[in-house]
N, C-alpha and C. Protein backbone atom coordinates (compact mmCIF):
# COMPACT_ATOMS: atom_id res chain seq x y z
N UNK A 1 -82.25 0.43 -72.36
CA UNK A 1 -81.72 1.45 -73.23
C UNK A 1 -81.09 0.79 -74.44
N UNK A 2 -81.15 1.48 -75.55
CA UNK A 2 -80.64 0.91 -76.79
C UNK A 2 -79.73 1.91 -77.46
N UNK A 3 -78.66 1.42 -77.97
CA UNK A 3 -77.78 2.28 -78.76
C UNK A 3 -78.02 2.01 -80.23
N UNK A 4 -77.73 2.99 -81.04
CA UNK A 4 -77.94 2.83 -82.48
C UNK A 4 -76.89 3.65 -83.21
N UNK A 5 -76.78 3.37 -84.49
CA UNK A 5 -75.79 4.04 -85.30
C UNK A 5 -76.43 4.55 -86.58
N UNK A 6 -76.21 5.82 -86.87
CA UNK A 6 -76.63 6.39 -88.15
C UNK A 6 -75.45 6.25 -89.10
N UNK A 7 -75.71 5.83 -90.31
CA UNK A 7 -74.66 5.80 -91.31
C UNK A 7 -75.02 6.82 -92.38
N UNK A 8 -74.05 7.48 -92.90
CA UNK A 8 -74.29 8.51 -93.90
C UNK A 8 -73.32 9.65 -93.72
N UNK A 9 -73.61 10.75 -94.36
CA UNK A 9 -72.74 11.93 -94.31
C UNK A 9 -73.51 13.13 -93.80
N UNK A 10 -72.89 13.91 -92.94
CA UNK A 10 -73.49 15.13 -92.43
C UNK A 10 -72.68 16.32 -92.92
N UNK A 11 -73.38 17.33 -93.42
CA UNK A 11 -72.75 18.57 -93.87
C UNK A 11 -73.27 19.70 -92.99
N UNK A 12 -72.36 20.48 -92.43
CA UNK A 12 -72.74 21.61 -91.59
C UNK A 12 -72.09 22.89 -92.13
N UNK A 13 -72.88 23.95 -92.16
CA UNK A 13 -72.37 25.28 -92.54
C UNK A 13 -72.80 26.26 -91.46
N UNK A 14 -71.85 27.07 -90.97
CA UNK A 14 -72.15 28.03 -89.90
C UNK A 14 -71.42 29.35 -90.13
N UNK A 15 -71.93 30.19 -91.03
CA UNK A 15 -71.27 31.48 -91.25
C UNK A 15 -71.68 32.51 -90.19
N UNK A 16 -70.73 33.37 -89.81
CA UNK A 16 -70.97 34.48 -88.90
C UNK A 16 -70.51 35.76 -89.58
N UNK A 17 -71.31 36.81 -89.46
CA UNK A 17 -70.95 38.11 -90.01
C UNK A 17 -71.22 39.15 -88.92
N UNK A 18 -70.25 40.02 -88.69
CA UNK A 18 -70.48 41.08 -87.73
C UNK A 18 -69.66 42.31 -88.09
N UNK A 19 -70.09 43.43 -87.53
CA UNK A 19 -69.38 44.69 -87.72
C UNK A 19 -69.41 45.44 -86.40
N UNK A 20 -68.34 46.13 -86.10
CA UNK A 20 -68.30 46.91 -84.87
C UNK A 20 -67.51 48.19 -85.12
N UNK A 21 -67.78 49.16 -84.29
CA UNK A 21 -67.04 50.41 -84.42
C UNK A 21 -67.56 51.47 -83.47
N UNK A 22 -66.72 52.44 -83.21
CA UNK A 22 -67.14 53.53 -82.31
C UNK A 22 -67.95 54.59 -83.05
N UNK A 23 -68.83 55.27 -82.29
CA UNK A 23 -69.55 56.42 -82.84
C UNK A 23 -69.86 57.38 -81.69
N UNK A 24 -70.10 58.63 -82.04
CA UNK A 24 -70.37 59.64 -81.03
C UNK A 24 -71.84 60.02 -81.08
N UNK A 25 -72.45 60.11 -79.90
CA UNK A 25 -73.85 60.48 -79.80
C UNK A 25 -74.06 61.18 -78.47
N UNK A 26 -74.74 62.33 -78.49
CA UNK A 26 -75.01 63.12 -77.28
C UNK A 26 -73.72 63.49 -76.54
N UNK A 27 -72.68 63.76 -77.31
CA UNK A 27 -71.44 64.20 -76.73
C UNK A 27 -70.61 63.09 -76.09
N UNK A 28 -71.00 61.85 -76.29
CA UNK A 28 -70.25 60.73 -75.72
C UNK A 28 -69.90 59.73 -76.81
N UNK A 29 -68.82 59.01 -76.58
CA UNK A 29 -68.42 57.99 -77.55
C UNK A 29 -69.02 56.64 -77.14
N UNK A 30 -69.57 55.94 -78.13
CA UNK A 30 -70.20 54.63 -77.90
C UNK A 30 -69.57 53.60 -78.82
N UNK A 31 -69.76 52.35 -78.50
CA UNK A 31 -69.29 51.24 -79.34
C UNK A 31 -70.52 50.48 -79.81
N UNK A 32 -70.63 50.27 -81.11
CA UNK A 32 -71.76 49.54 -81.68
C UNK A 32 -71.26 48.22 -82.24
N UNK A 33 -71.99 47.17 -81.94
CA UNK A 33 -71.67 45.84 -82.47
C UNK A 33 -72.96 45.22 -82.98
N UNK A 34 -72.98 44.88 -84.27
CA UNK A 34 -74.13 44.19 -84.85
C UNK A 34 -73.61 42.95 -85.57
N UNK A 35 -74.45 41.93 -85.65
CA UNK A 35 -74.01 40.72 -86.32
C UNK A 35 -75.14 39.75 -86.59
N UNK A 36 -74.80 38.71 -87.29
CA UNK A 36 -75.76 37.68 -87.66
C UNK A 36 -75.03 36.34 -87.70
N UNK A 37 -75.69 35.32 -87.21
CA UNK A 37 -75.13 33.97 -87.24
C UNK A 37 -76.19 33.02 -87.78
N UNK A 38 -75.80 32.14 -88.68
CA UNK A 38 -76.72 31.16 -89.28
C UNK A 38 -76.05 29.81 -89.26
N UNK A 39 -76.83 28.77 -88.98
CA UNK A 39 -76.27 27.42 -88.97
C UNK A 39 -77.23 26.47 -89.67
N UNK A 40 -76.70 25.65 -90.57
CA UNK A 40 -77.51 24.64 -91.24
C UNK A 40 -76.79 23.29 -91.13
N UNK A 41 -77.60 22.25 -91.09
CA UNK A 41 -77.05 20.89 -91.02
C UNK A 41 -77.91 19.99 -91.90
N UNK A 42 -77.26 19.15 -92.67
CA UNK A 42 -78.00 18.24 -93.56
C UNK A 42 -77.39 16.86 -93.45
N UNK A 43 -78.24 15.87 -93.19
CA UNK A 43 -77.80 14.48 -93.08
C UNK A 43 -78.30 13.72 -94.30
N UNK A 44 -77.39 13.13 -95.05
CA UNK A 44 -77.75 12.28 -96.18
C UNK A 44 -77.56 10.86 -95.70
N UNK A 45 -78.63 10.33 -95.14
CA UNK A 45 -78.54 9.03 -94.47
C UNK A 45 -78.69 7.85 -95.38
N UNK A 46 -78.01 6.82 -94.98
CA UNK A 46 -78.12 5.55 -95.67
C UNK A 46 -78.89 4.54 -94.83
N UNK A 47 -78.71 4.63 -93.49
CA UNK A 47 -79.30 3.59 -92.64
C UNK A 47 -79.29 4.03 -91.19
N UNK A 48 -80.13 3.40 -90.41
CA UNK A 48 -80.16 3.55 -88.95
C UNK A 48 -80.38 2.15 -88.40
N UNK A 49 -79.49 1.72 -87.56
CA UNK A 49 -79.64 0.36 -87.04
C UNK A 49 -79.10 0.25 -85.63
N UNK A 50 -79.69 -0.64 -84.84
CA UNK A 50 -79.15 -0.89 -83.51
C UNK A 50 -77.73 -1.45 -83.63
N UNK A 51 -76.88 -1.05 -82.71
CA UNK A 51 -75.52 -1.56 -82.74
C UNK A 51 -75.41 -2.88 -82.00
N UNK A 52 -76.41 -3.19 -81.17
CA UNK A 52 -76.40 -4.43 -80.41
C UNK A 52 -77.82 -4.98 -80.37
N UNK A 53 -78.10 -6.01 -81.14
CA UNK A 53 -79.45 -6.57 -81.21
C UNK A 53 -79.90 -7.16 -79.89
N UNK A 54 -78.98 -7.58 -79.03
CA UNK A 54 -79.35 -8.11 -77.71
C UNK A 54 -80.02 -7.00 -76.89
N UNK A 55 -79.50 -5.78 -76.98
CA UNK A 55 -80.12 -4.66 -76.26
C UNK A 55 -81.54 -4.43 -76.77
N UNK A 56 -81.73 -4.50 -78.06
CA UNK A 56 -83.05 -4.31 -78.65
C UNK A 56 -84.03 -5.35 -78.12
N UNK A 57 -83.60 -6.60 -78.01
CA UNK A 57 -84.47 -7.67 -77.51
C UNK A 57 -84.86 -7.43 -76.06
N UNK A 58 -83.92 -6.94 -75.24
CA UNK A 58 -84.22 -6.67 -73.84
C UNK A 58 -85.25 -5.56 -73.71
N UNK A 59 -85.06 -4.47 -74.45
CA UNK A 59 -86.01 -3.37 -74.41
C UNK A 59 -87.38 -3.83 -74.90
N UNK A 60 -87.41 -4.59 -75.97
CA UNK A 60 -88.68 -5.08 -76.50
C UNK A 60 -89.41 -5.94 -75.48
N UNK A 61 -88.68 -6.78 -74.76
CA UNK A 61 -89.30 -7.63 -73.74
C UNK A 61 -89.91 -6.78 -72.63
N UNK A 62 -89.22 -5.73 -72.23
CA UNK A 62 -89.75 -4.85 -71.18
C UNK A 62 -91.03 -4.15 -71.65
N UNK A 63 -91.04 -3.68 -72.89
CA UNK A 63 -92.23 -3.01 -73.42
C UNK A 63 -93.39 -4.00 -73.53
N UNK A 64 -93.12 -5.21 -73.98
CA UNK A 64 -94.19 -6.22 -74.07
C UNK A 64 -94.79 -6.49 -72.70
N UNK A 65 -93.95 -6.61 -71.67
CA UNK A 65 -94.45 -6.86 -70.31
C UNK A 65 -95.28 -5.68 -69.82
N UNK A 66 -94.83 -4.47 -70.08
CA UNK A 66 -95.57 -3.28 -69.66
C UNK A 66 -96.92 -3.20 -70.36
N UNK A 67 -96.94 -3.43 -71.66
CA UNK A 67 -98.20 -3.40 -72.41
C UNK A 67 -99.14 -4.50 -71.94
N UNK A 68 -98.61 -5.65 -71.59
CA UNK A 68 -99.42 -6.75 -71.06
C UNK A 68 -100.08 -6.33 -69.75
N UNK A 69 -99.32 -5.66 -68.87
CA UNK A 69 -99.87 -5.17 -67.60
C UNK A 69 -100.97 -4.16 -67.83
N UNK A 70 -100.76 -3.24 -68.78
CA UNK A 70 -101.80 -2.24 -69.08
C UNK A 70 -103.07 -2.92 -69.59
N UNK A 71 -102.91 -3.91 -70.45
CA UNK A 71 -104.08 -4.62 -70.98
C UNK A 71 -104.82 -5.35 -69.87
N UNK A 72 -104.09 -5.94 -68.92
CA UNK A 72 -104.73 -6.66 -67.81
C UNK A 72 -105.52 -5.69 -66.93
N UNK A 73 -104.95 -4.53 -66.63
CA UNK A 73 -105.66 -3.53 -65.82
C UNK A 73 -106.90 -3.06 -66.55
N UNK A 74 -106.78 -2.80 -67.85
CA UNK A 74 -107.90 -2.36 -68.64
C UNK A 74 -109.03 -3.39 -68.63
N UNK A 75 -108.66 -4.66 -68.75
CA UNK A 75 -109.67 -5.72 -68.75
C UNK A 75 -110.34 -5.82 -67.39
N UNK A 76 -109.58 -5.67 -66.31
CA UNK A 76 -110.15 -5.73 -64.96
C UNK A 76 -111.15 -4.58 -64.75
N UNK A 77 -110.79 -3.40 -65.27
CA UNK A 77 -111.70 -2.26 -65.13
C UNK A 77 -112.98 -2.46 -65.92
N UNK A 78 -112.88 -3.08 -67.09
CA UNK A 78 -114.07 -3.37 -67.90
C UNK A 78 -114.96 -4.39 -67.20
N UNK A 79 -114.34 -5.34 -66.48
CA UNK A 79 -115.10 -6.37 -65.78
C UNK A 79 -115.63 -5.88 -64.43
N UNK A 80 -115.23 -4.67 -64.02
CA UNK A 80 -115.70 -4.13 -62.77
C UNK A 80 -114.92 -4.60 -61.56
N UNK A 81 -113.77 -5.21 -61.76
CA UNK A 81 -112.97 -5.69 -60.63
C UNK A 81 -111.63 -4.97 -60.61
N UNK A 82 -111.66 -3.64 -60.84
CA UNK A 82 -110.43 -2.86 -60.92
C UNK A 82 -109.60 -2.96 -59.65
N UNK A 83 -108.34 -2.65 -59.76
CA UNK A 83 -107.41 -2.76 -58.62
C UNK A 83 -107.70 -1.71 -57.58
């Protein structure tokens, strides 16, 4: 697993608008509630980088080993000596 850090600024806007009130219909009183919610987020990034390069090297080594194993299996299947 690798940790990383985003550098930059994030701006978030989340307005909510609603209205509520009682009304009468069919001889009974009811409560009506309507509303709208909107949310936006914008990241003005400068960089993304691993916080620990040693972690990156460990993950890379694991991926290289896994890809090597896949290539070996693929080659065995092409040669007709699959596992």
